[in-house]
């Protein structure tokens, strides 16, 4: 059973969202590779495991906390000394929000 159809148009759309320019050859190759991945996920999803409890991790996870202590900090000048561009004591970067999707 196929979960989802991977089409070249979908791969091109994903490339656009990730801001990756893909050639036609890359789109063809990725379409095939992603189809195989989706098919394999569908096969794993079909496995019936009533005796196995659902888990998110195979081993227990434990948070390790430490005291939040203030240490020595860099000055604004030290932080920005190797920045390619800065303005008003901040890193200056190219705007990406507000562009057409």
PDB file of N, CA and C in Angstrom:
ATOM      1  N   UNK A   1       0.845  -1.187   0.000  1.00  0.00           N
ATOM      2  CA  UNK A   1       0.000   0.000   0.000  1.00  0.00           C
ATOM      3  C   UNK A   1       0.887   1.247   0.000  1.00  0.00           C
ATOM      4  N   UNK A   2       0.611   2.158  -0.871  1.00  0.00           N
ATOM      5  CA  UNK A   2       1.386   3.394  -0.969  1.00  0.00           C
ATOM      6  C   UNK A   2       0.765   4.470  -0.112  1.00  0.00           C
ATOM      7  N   UNK A   3       1.573   5.073   0.748  1.00  0.00           N
ATOM      8  CA  UNK A   3       1.088   6.125   1.636  1.00  0.00           C
ATOM      9  C   UNK A   3       0.826   7.406   0.850  1.00  0.00           C
ATOM     10  N   UNK A   4       1.746   7.768  -0.010  1.00  0.00           N
ATOM     11  CA  UNK A   4       1.648   9.028  -0.733  1.00  0.00           C
ATOM     12  C   UNK A   4       2.420   8.890  -2.033  1.00  0.00           C
ATOM     13  N   UNK A   5       1.930   9.529  -3.053  1.00  0.00           N
ATOM     14  CA  UNK A   5       2.608   9.488  -4.345  1.00  0.00           C
ATOM     15  C   UNK A   5       3.644  10.608  -4.402  1.00  0.00           C
ATOM     16  N   UNK A   6       4.884  10.242  -4.646  1.00  0.00           N
ATOM     17  CA  UNK A   6       5.957  11.229  -4.789  1.00  0.00           C
ATOM     18  C   UNK A   6       6.075  11.551  -6.274  1.00  0.00           C
ATOM     19  N   UNK A   7       5.807  12.785  -6.627  1.00  0.00           N
ATOM     20  CA  UNK A   7       5.851  13.212  -8.024  1.00  0.00           C
ATOM     21  C   UNK A   7       6.993  14.206  -8.217  1.00  0.00           C
ATOM     22  N   UNK A   8       7.433  14.370  -9.460  1.00  0.00           N
ATOM     23  CA  UNK A   8       8.458  15.393  -9.716  1.00  0.00           C
ATOM     24  C   UNK A   8       8.004  16.790  -9.285  1.00  0.00           C
ATOM     25  N   UNK A   9       6.713  17.073  -9.432  1.00  0.00           N
ATOM     26  CA  UNK A   9       6.199  18.380  -9.018  1.00  0.00           C
ATOM     27  C   UNK A   9       6.340  18.560  -7.508  1.00  0.00           C
ATOM     28  N   UNK A  10       6.072  17.494  -6.748  1.00  0.00           N
ATOM     29  CA  UNK A  10       6.224  17.559  -5.293  1.00  0.00           C
ATOM     30  C   UNK A  10       7.687  17.792  -4.919  1.00  0.00           C
ATOM     31  N   UNK A  11       8.600  17.104  -5.601  1.00  0.00           N
ATOM     32  CA  UNK A  11      10.031  17.270  -5.316  1.00  0.00           C
ATOM     33  C   UNK A  11      10.473  18.695  -5.650  1.00  0.00           C
ATOM     34  N   UNK A  12       9.997  19.229  -6.766  1.00  0.00           N
ATOM     35  CA  UNK A  12      10.335  20.622  -7.114  1.00  0.00           C
ATOM     36  C   UNK A  12       9.792  21.588  -6.058  1.00  0.00           C
ATOM     37  N   UNK A  13       8.563  21.337  -5.587  1.00  0.00           N
ATOM     38  CA  UNK A  13       7.962  22.187  -4.552  1.00  0.00           C
ATOM     39  C   UNK A  13       8.780  22.114  -3.261  1.00  0.00           C
ATOM     40  N   UNK A  14       9.187  20.918  -2.867  1.00  0.00           N
ATOM     41  CA  UNK A  14      10.017  20.771  -1.666  1.00  0.00           C
ATOM     42  C   UNK A  14      11.350  21.497  -1.838  1.00  0.00           C
ATOM     43  N   UNK A  15      11.925  21.407  -3.023  1.00  0.00           N
ATOM     44  CA  UNK A  15      13.165  22.122  -3.300  1.00  0.00           C
ATOM     45  C   UNK A  15      12.983  23.625  -3.185  1.00  0.00           C
ATOM     46  N   UNK A  16      11.851  24.132  -3.685  1.00  0.00           N
ATOM     47  CA  UNK A  16      11.579  25.565  -3.584  1.00  0.00           C
ATOM     48  C   UNK A  16      11.426  25.983  -2.122  1.00  0.00           C
ATOM     49  N   UNK A  17      10.690  25.181  -1.334  1.00  0.00           N
ATOM     50  CA  UNK A  17      10.512  25.508   0.078  1.00  0.00           C
ATOM     51  C   UNK A  17      11.844  25.509   0.825  1.00  0.00           C
ATOM     52  N   UNK A  18      12.742  24.599   0.434  1.00  0.00           N
ATOM     53  CA  UNK A  18      14.054  24.516   1.076  1.00  0.00           C
ATOM     54  C   UNK A  18      15.055  25.479   0.437  1.00  0.00           C
ATOM     55  N   UNK A  19      14.590  26.218  -0.576  1.00  0.00           N
ATOM     56  CA  UNK A  19      15.452  27.158  -1.302  1.00  0.00           C
ATOM     57  C   UNK A  19      16.672  26.454  -1.899  1.00  0.00           C
ATOM     58  N   UNK A  20      16.393  25.293  -2.511  1.00  0.00           N
ATOM     59  CA  UNK A  20      17.435  24.510  -3.178  1.00  0.00           C
ATOM     60  C   UNK A  20      17.073  24.440  -4.658  1.00  0.00           C
ATOM     61  N   UNK A  21      17.967  24.888  -5.504  1.00  0.00           N
ATOM     62  CA  UNK A  21      17.739  24.811  -6.944  1.00  0.00           C
ATOM     63  C   UNK A  21      18.101  23.392  -7.390  1.00  0.00           C
ATOM     64  N   UNK A  22      17.145  22.697  -7.997  1.00  0.00           N
ATOM     65  CA  UNK A  22      17.351  21.314  -8.422  1.00  0.00           C
ATOM     66  C   UNK A  22      17.309  21.229  -9.945  1.00  0.00           C
ATOM     67  N   UNK A  23      18.259  20.481 -10.508  1.00  0.00           N
ATOM     68  CA  UNK A  23      18.236  20.228 -11.946  1.00  0.00           C
ATOM     69  C   UNK A  23      17.197  19.146 -12.231  1.00  0.00           C
ATOM     70  N   UNK A  24      16.846  18.968 -13.513  1.00  0.00           N
ATOM     71  CA  UNK A  24      15.881  17.929 -13.878  1.00  0.00           C
ATOM     72  C   UNK A  24      16.391  16.546 -13.490  1.00  0.00           C
ATOM     73  N   UNK A  25      17.695  16.319 -13.637  1.00  0.00           N
ATOM     74  CA  UNK A  25      18.272  15.024 -13.262  1.00  0.00           C
ATOM     75  C   UNK A  25      18.150  14.791 -11.755  1.00  0.00           C
ATOM     76  N   UNK A  26      18.393  15.837 -10.973  1.00  0.00           N
ATOM     77  CA  UNK A  26      18.269  15.712  -9.513  1.00  0.00           C
ATOM     78  C   UNK A  26      16.820  15.457  -9.111  1.00  0.00           C
ATOM     79  N   UNK A  27      15.889  16.128  -9.779  1.00  0.00           N
ATOM     80  CA  UNK A  27      14.466  15.917  -9.483  1.00  0.00           C
ATOM     81  C   UNK A  27      14.090  14.468  -9.769  1.00  0.00           C
ATOM     82  N   UNK A  28      14.529  13.941 -10.916  1.00  0.00           N
ATOM     83  CA  UNK A  28      14.228  12.544 -11.259  1.00  0.00           C
ATOM     84  C   UNK A  28      14.823  11.588 -10.236  1.00  0.00           C
ATOM     85  N   UNK A  29      16.082  11.808  -9.874  1.00  0.00           N
ATOM     86  CA  UNK A  29      16.754  10.925  -8.910  1.00  0.00           C
ATOM     87  C   UNK A  29      16.075  10.998  -7.545  1.00  0.00           C
ATOM     88  N   UNK A  30      15.784  12.205  -7.076  1.00  0.00           N
ATOM     89  CA  UNK A  30      15.154  12.368  -5.763  1.00  0.00           C
ATOM     90  C   UNK A  30      13.727  11.821  -5.741  1.00  0.00           C
ATOM     91  N   UNK A  31      13.013  11.931  -6.849  1.00  0.00           N
ATOM     92  CA  UNK A  31      11.658  11.376  -6.916  1.00  0.00           C
ATOM     93  C   UNK A  31      11.707   9.875  -6.666  1.00  0.00           C
ATOM     94  N   UNK A  32      12.635   9.190  -7.319  1.00  0.00           N
ATOM     95  CA  UNK A  32      12.783   7.747  -7.108  1.00  0.00           C
ATOM     96  C   UNK A  32      13.218   7.411  -5.695  1.00  0.00           C
ATOM     97  N   UNK A  33      14.192   8.137  -5.179  1.00  0.00           N
ATOM     98  CA  UNK A  33      14.701   7.864  -3.831  1.00  0.00           C
ATOM     99  C   UNK A  33      13.628   8.113  -2.772  1.00  0.00           C
ATOM    100  N   UNK A  34      12.901   9.216  -2.890  1.00  0.00           N
ATOM    101  CA  UNK A  34      11.852   9.512  -1.909  1.00  0.00           C
ATOM    102  C   UNK A  34      10.707   8.505  -1.996  1.00  0.00           C
ATOM    103  N   UNK A  35      10.412   8.018  -3.204  1.00  0.00           N
ATOM    104  CA  UNK A  35       9.377   6.990  -3.355  1.00  0.00           C
ATOM    105  C   UNK A  35       9.770   5.719  -2.622  1.00  0.00           C
ATOM    106  N   UNK A  36      11.033   5.327  -2.731  1.00  0.00           N
ATOM    107  CA  UNK A  36      11.522   4.136  -2.023  1.00  0.00           C
ATOM    108  C   UNK A  36      11.410   4.339  -0.517  1.00  0.00           C
ATOM    109  N   UNK A  37      11.772   5.510  -0.034  1.00  0.00           N
ATOM    110  CA  UNK A  37      11.702   5.799   1.408  1.00  0.00           C
ATOM    111  C   UNK A  37      10.255   5.726   1.894  1.00  0.00           C
ATOM    112  N   UNK A  38       9.338   6.354   1.157  1.00  0.00           N
ATOM    113  CA  UNK A  38       7.925   6.342   1.558  1.00  0.00           C
ATOM    114  C   UNK A  38       7.377   4.916   1.533  1.00  0.00           C
ATOM    115  N   UNK A  39       7.755   4.131   0.522  1.00  0.00           N
ATOM    116  CA  UNK A  39       7.313   2.732   0.459  1.00  0.00           C
ATOM    117  C   UNK A  39       7.831   1.939   1.647  1.00  0.00           C
ATOM    118  N   UNK A  40       9.087   2.146   2.020  1.00  0.00           N
ATOM    119  CA  UNK A  40       9.651   1.428   3.170  1.00  0.00           C
ATOM    120  C   UNK A  40       8.961   1.824   4.472  1.00  0.00           C
ATOM    121  N   UNK A  41       8.640   3.085   4.624  1.00  0.00           N
ATOM    122  CA  UNK A  41       7.915   3.531   5.822  1.00  0.00           C
ATOM    123  C   UNK A  41       6.534   2.875   5.862  1.00  0.00           C
ATOM    124  N   UNK A  42       5.882   2.765   4.711  1.00  0.00           N
ATOM    125  CA  UNK A  42       4.566   2.121   4.650  1.00  0.00           C
ATOM    126  C   UNK A  42       4.670   0.656   5.056  1.00  0.00           C
ATOM    127  N   UNK A  43       5.735  -0.033   4.618  1.00  0.00           N
ATOM    128  CA  UNK A  43       5.922  -1.442   4.993  1.00  0.00           C
ATOM    129  C   UNK A  43       6.110  -1.584   6.496  1.00  0.00           C
ATOM    130  N   UNK A  44       6.905  -0.713   7.085  1.00  0.00           N
ATOM    131  CA  UNK A  44       7.125  -0.767   8.535  1.00  0.00           C
ATOM    132  C   UNK A  44       5.818  -0.483   9.267  1.00  0.00           C
ATOM    133  N   UNK A  45       5.022   0.436   8.749  1.00  0.00           N
ATOM    134  CA  UNK A  45       3.751   0.786   9.389  1.00  0.00           C
ATOM    135  C   UNK A  45       2.758  -0.371   9.357  1.00  0.00           C
ATOM    136  N   UNK A  46       2.900  -1.281   8.401  1.00  0.00           N
ATOM    137  CA  UNK A  46       1.992  -2.416   8.281  1.00  0.00           C
ATOM    138  C   UNK A  46       2.280  -3.520   9.293  1.00  0.00           C
ATOM    139  N   UNK A  47       3.435  -3.505   9.916  1.00  0.00           N
ATOM    140  CA  UNK A  47       3.806  -4.552  10.865  1.00  0.00           C
ATOM    141  C   UNK A  47       2.911  -4.452  12.100  1.00  0.00           C
ATOM    142  N   UNK A  48       2.279  -5.577  12.442  1.00  0.00           N
ATOM    143  CA  UNK A  48       1.398  -5.618  13.604  1.00  0.00           C
ATOM    144  C   UNK A  48       2.227  -6.037  14.811  1.00  0.00           C
ATOM    145  N   UNK A  49       2.231  -5.205  15.846  1.00  0.00           N
ATOM    146  CA  UNK A  49       3.011  -5.494  17.058  1.00  0.00           C
ATOM    147  C   UNK A  49       2.149  -5.271  18.294  1.00  0.00           C
ATOM    148  N   UNK A  50       1.141  -6.133  18.525  1.00  0.00           N
ATOM    149  CA  UNK A  50       0.253  -5.905  19.667  1.00  0.00           C
ATOM    150  C   UNK A  50       0.934  -6.103  21.019  1.00  0.00           C
ATOM    151  N   UNK A  51       2.009  -6.892  21.063  1.00  0.00           N
ATOM    152  CA  UNK A  51       2.681  -7.172  22.335  1.00  0.00           C
ATOM    153  C   UNK A  51       3.767  -6.153  22.677  1.00  0.00           C
ATOM    154  N   UNK A  52       4.016  -5.205  21.787  1.00  0.00           N
ATOM    155  CA  UNK A  52       5.087  -4.236  22.004  1.00  0.00           C
ATOM    156  C   UNK A  52       4.464  -2.885  22.343  1.00  0.00           C
ATOM    157  N   UNK A  53       4.825  -2.381  23.504  1.00  0.00           N
ATOM    158  CA  UNK A  53       4.304  -1.073  23.914  1.00  0.00           C
ATOM    159  C   UNK A  53       4.913   0.028  23.053  1.00  0.00           C
ATOM    160  N   UNK A  54       4.123   1.038  22.770  1.00  0.00           N
ATOM    161  CA  UNK A  54       4.611   2.166  21.977  1.00  0.00           C
ATOM    162  C   UNK A  54       5.668   2.931  22.765  1.00  0.00           C
ATOM    163  N   UNK A  55       6.759   3.276  22.098  1.00  0.00           N
ATOM    164  CA  UNK A  55       7.829   4.053  22.732  1.00  0.00           C
ATOM    165  C   UNK A  55       8.333   5.101  21.751  1.00  0.00           C
ATOM    166  N   UNK A  56       8.920   6.129  22.292  1.00  0.00           N
ATOM    167  CA  UNK A  56       9.532   7.128  21.420  1.00  0.00           C
ATOM    168  C   UNK A  56      11.045   6.947  21.360  1.00  0.00           C
ATOM    169  N   UNK A  57      11.604   6.247  22.367  1.00  0.00           N
ATOM    170  CA  UNK A  57      13.046   6.007  22.421  1.00  0.00           C
ATOM    171  C   UNK A  57      13.291   4.593  22.943  1.00  0.00           C
ATOM    172  N   UNK A  58      14.297   3.909  22.420  1.00  0.00           N
ATOM    173  CA  UNK A  58      14.561   2.545  22.885  1.00  0.00           C
ATOM    174  C   UNK A  58      15.148   2.487  24.292  1.00  0.00           C
ATOM    175  N   UNK A  59      15.724   3.578  24.750  1.00  0.00           N
ATOM    176  CA  UNK A  59      16.277   3.610  26.109  1.00  0.00           C
ATOM    177  C   UNK A  59      15.678   4.797  26.847  1.00  0.00           C
ATOM    178  N   UNK A  60      15.541   4.704  28.162  1.00  0.00           N
ATOM    179  CA  UNK A  60      14.967   5.834  28.901  1.00  0.00           C
ATOM    180  C   UNK A  60      15.854   7.080  28.807  1.00  0.00           C
ATOM    181  N   UNK A  61      15.212   8.217  28.691  1.00  0.00           N
ATOM    182  CA  UNK A  61      15.941   9.483  28.656  1.00  0.00           C
ATOM    183  C   UNK A  61      15.759  10.201  29.979  1.00  0.00           C
ATOM    184  N   UNK A  62      16.786  10.910  30.363  1.00  0.00           N
ATOM    185  CA  UNK A  62      16.737  11.622  31.636  1.00  0.00           C
ATOM    186  C   UNK A  62      17.363  12.994  31.446  1.00  0.00           C
ATOM    187  N   UNK A  63      16.659  14.021  31.877  1.00  0.00           N
ATOM    188  CA  UNK A  63      17.218  15.368  31.823  1.00  0.00           C
ATOM    189  C   UNK A  63      18.256  15.536  32.921  1.00  0.00           C
ATOM    190  N   UNK A  64      19.344  16.170  32.582  1.00  0.00           N
ATOM    191  CA  UNK A  64      20.381  16.464  33.563  1.00  0.00           C
ATOM    192  C   UNK A  64      20.437  17.983  33.688  1.00  0.00           C
ATOM    193  N   UNK A  65      20.118  18.463  34.866  1.00  0.00           N
ATOM    194  CA  UNK A  65      20.093  19.902  35.090  1.00  0.00           C
ATOM    195  C   UNK A  65      21.333  20.347  35.852  1.00  0.00           C
ATOM    196  N   UNK A  66      21.728  21.569  35.624  1.00  0.00           N
ATOM    197  CA  UNK A  66      22.818  22.160  36.389  1.00  0.00           C
ATOM    198  C   UNK A  66      22.396  23.571  36.758  1.00  0.00           C
ATOM    199  N   UNK A  67      23.091  24.123  37.705  1.00  0.00           N
ATOM    200  CA  UNK A  67      22.773  25.483  38.146  1.00  0.00           C
ATOM    201  C   UNK A  67      23.028  26.464  37.004  1.00  0.00           C
ATOM    202  N   UNK A  68      22.164  27.438  36.874  1.00  0.00           N
ATOM    203  CA  UNK A  68      22.310  28.479  35.868  1.00  0.00           C
ATOM    204  C   UNK A  68      23.143  29.599  36.476  1.00  0.00           C
ATOM    205  N   UNK A  69      24.423  29.594  36.147  1.00  0.00           N
ATOM    206  CA  UNK A  69      25.343  30.562  36.743  1.00  0.00           C
ATOM    207  C   UNK A  69      25.880  31.506  35.675  1.00  0.00           C
ATOM    208  N   UNK A  70      25.934  32.771  35.997  1.00  0.00           N
ATOM    209  CA  UNK A  70      26.468  33.768  35.076  1.00  0.00           C
ATOM    210  C   UNK A  70      27.984  33.644  35.052  1.00  0.00           C
ATOM    211  N   UNK A  71      28.536  33.579  33.854  1.00  0.00           N
ATOM    212  CA  UNK A  71      29.986  33.503  33.702  1.00  0.00           C
ATOM    213  C   UNK A  71      30.495  34.750  33.001  1.00  0.00           C
ATOM    214  N   UNK A  72      31.720  34.689  32.550  1.00  0.00           N
ATOM    215  CA  UNK A  72      32.276  35.833  31.831  1.00  0.00           C
ATOM    216  C   UNK A  72      31.633  35.901  30.450  1.00  0.00           C
ATOM    217  N   UNK A  73      31.345  37.105  30.017  1.00  0.00           N
ATOM    218  CA  UNK A  73      30.677  37.297  28.738  1.00  0.00           C
ATOM    219  C   UNK A  73      31.541  38.162  27.834  1.00  0.00           C
ATOM    220  N   UNK A  74      31.343  38.004  26.543  1.00  0.00           N
ATOM    221  CA  UNK A  74      32.033  38.835  25.573  1.00  0.00           C
ATOM    222  C   UNK A  74      31.338  40.188  25.484  1.00  0.00           C
ATOM    223  N   UNK A  75      32.099  41.199  25.153  1.00  0.00           N
ATOM    224  CA  UNK A  75      31.505  42.514  24.916  1.00  0.00           C
ATOM    225  C   UNK A  75      30.868  42.508  23.523  1.00  0.00           C
ATOM    226  N   UNK A  76      30.016  43.476  23.265  1.00  0.00           N
ATOM    227  CA  UNK A  76      29.385  43.580  21.950  1.00  0.00           C
ATOM    228  C   UNK A  76      30.453  43.710  20.871  1.00  0.00           C
ATOM    229  N   UNK A  77      31.489  44.481  21.147  1.00  0.00           N
ATOM    230  CA  UNK A  77      32.566  44.669  20.171  1.00  0.00           C
ATOM    231  C   UNK A  77      33.271  43.346  19.876  1.00  0.00           C
ATOM    232  N   UNK A  78      33.522  42.540  20.911  1.00  0.00           N
ATOM    233  CA  UNK A  78      34.173  41.247  20.705  1.00  0.00           C
ATOM    234  C   UNK A  78      33.287  40.309  19.882  1.00  0.00           C
ATOM    235  N   UNK A  79      32.009  40.329  20.159  1.00  0.00           N
ATOM    236  CA  UNK A  79      31.085  39.453  19.434  1.00  0.00           C
ATOM    237  C   UNK A  79      31.033  39.832  17.956  1.00  0.00           C
ATOM    238  N   UNK A  80      31.004  41.119  17.668  1.00  0.00           N
ATOM    239  CA  UNK A  80      30.822  41.583  16.297  1.00  0.00           C
ATOM    240  C   UNK A  80      32.119  41.783  15.524  1.00  0.00           C
ATOM    241  N   UNK A  81      33.269  41.569  16.147  1.00  0.00           N
ATOM    242  CA  UNK A  81      34.533  41.893  15.486  1.00  0.00           C
ATOM    243  C   UNK A  81      34.769  41.099  14.201  1.00  0.00           C
ATOM    244  N   UNK A  82      34.279  39.883  14.098  1.00  0.00           N
ATOM    245  CA  UNK A  82      34.478  39.085  12.889  1.00  0.00           C
ATOM    246  C   UNK A  82      33.208  38.954  12.051  1.00  0.00           C
ATOM    247  N   UNK A  83      32.173  39.686  12.417  1.00  0.00           N
ATOM    248  CA  UNK A  83      30.915  39.620  11.665  1.00  0.00           C
ATOM    249  C   UNK A  83      31.108  40.266  10.297  1.00  0.00           C
ATOM    250  N   UNK A  84      30.548  39.671   9.252  1.00  0.00           N
ATOM    251  CA  UNK A  84      30.676  40.277   7.927  1.00  0.00           C
ATOM    252  C   UNK A  84      30.001  41.641   7.840  1.00  0.00           C
ATOM    253  N   UNK A  85      28.917  41.830   8.602  1.00  0.00           N
ATOM    254  CA  UNK A  85      28.222  43.116   8.584  1.00  0.00           C
ATOM    255  C   UNK A  85      27.474  43.276   9.906  1.00  0.00           C
ATOM    256  N   UNK A  86      27.445  44.494  10.430  1.00  0.00           N
ATOM    257  CA  UNK A  86      26.759  44.773  11.696  1.00  0.00           C
ATOM    258  C   UNK A  86      26.170  46.172  11.627  1.00  0.00           C
ATOM    259  N   UNK A  87      25.094  46.368  12.396  1.00  0.00           N
ATOM    260  CA  UNK A  87      24.465  47.687  12.489  1.00  0.00           C
ATOM    261  C   UNK A  87      23.768  47.782  13.829  1.00  0.00           C
ATOM    262  N   UNK A  88      23.907  48.916  14.504  1.00  0.00           N
ATOM    263  CA  UNK A  88      23.252  49.150  15.799  1.00  0.00           C
ATOM    264  C   UNK A  88      23.557  48.047  16.807  1.00  0.00           C
ATOM    265  N   UNK A  89      24.805  47.628  16.881  1.00  0.00           N
ATOM    266  CA  UNK A  89      25.250  46.589  17.825  1.00  0.00           C
ATOM    267  C   UNK A  89      24.563  45.246  17.600  1.00  0.00           C
ATOM    268  N   UNK A  90      24.214  44.963  16.343  1.00  0.00           N
ATOM    269  CA  UNK A  90      23.567  43.692  16.003  1.00  0.00           C
ATOM    270  C   UNK A  90      24.170  43.144  14.720  1.00  0.00           C
ATOM    271  N   UNK A  91      24.051  41.822  14.539  1.00  0.00           N
ATOM    272  CA  UNK A  91      24.436  41.221  13.271  1.00  0.00           C
ATOM    273  C   UNK A  91      23.470  41.701  12.204  1.00  0.00           C
ATOM    274  N   UNK A  92      23.992  42.053  11.032  1.00  0.00           N
ATOM    275  CA  UNK A  92      23.139  42.476   9.930  1.00  0.00           C
ATOM    276  C   UNK A  92      23.134  41.345   8.908  1.00  0.00           C
ATOM    277  N   UNK A  93      21.920  40.845   8.609  1.00  0.00           N
ATOM    278  CA  UNK A  93      21.783  39.727   7.677  1.00  0.00           C
ATOM    279  C   UNK A  93      20.788  40.096   6.582  1.00  0.00           C
ATOM    280  N   UNK A  94      20.801  39.324   5.516  1.00  0.00           N
ATOM    281  CA  UNK A  94      19.877  39.537   4.420  1.00  0.00           C
ATOM    282  C   UNK A  94      18.473  39.148   4.857  1.00  0.00           C
ATOM    283  N   UNK A  95      17.498  39.986   4.560  1.00  0.00           N
ATOM    284  CA  UNK A  95      16.107  39.692   4.920  1.00  0.00           C
ATOM    285  C   UNK A  95      15.585  38.541   4.076  1.00  0.00           C
ATOM    286  N   UNK A  96      14.866  37.610   4.707  1.00  0.00           N
ATOM    287  CA  UNK A  96      14.248  36.514   3.957  1.00  0.00           C
ATOM    288  C   UNK A  96      12.742  36.473   4.160  1.00  0.00           C
ATOM    289  N   UNK A  97      12.237  37.081   5.217  1.00  0.00           N
ATOM    290  CA  UNK A  97      10.800  37.082   5.460  1.00  0.00           C
ATOM    291  C   UNK A  97      10.132  38.124   4.582  1.00  0.00           C
ATOM    292  N   UNK A  98       8.911  37.837   4.201  1.00  0.00           N
ATOM    293  CA  UNK A  98       8.181  38.781   3.383  1.00  0.00           C
ATOM    294  C   UNK A  98       8.336  38.540   1.897  1.00  0.00           C
ATOM    295  N   UNK A  99       9.175  37.572   1.514  1.00  0.00           N
ATOM    296  CA  UNK A  99       9.322  37.249   0.105  1.00  0.00           C
ATOM    297  C   UNK A  99       8.160  36.376  -0.332  1.00  0.00           C
ATOM    298  N   UNK A 100       7.892  36.370  -1.636  1.00  0.00           N
ATOM    299  CA  UNK A 100       6.861  35.489  -2.178  1.00  0.00           C
ATOM    300  C   UNK A 100       7.298  34.047  -1.992  1.00  0.00           C
ATOM    301  N   UNK A 101       6.377  33.195  -1.627  1.00  0.00           N
ATOM    302  CA  UNK A 101       6.680  31.764  -1.426  1.00  0.00           C
ATOM    303  C   UNK A 101       6.557  31.027  -2.727  1.00  0.00           C
TER     304      UNK A 101
END
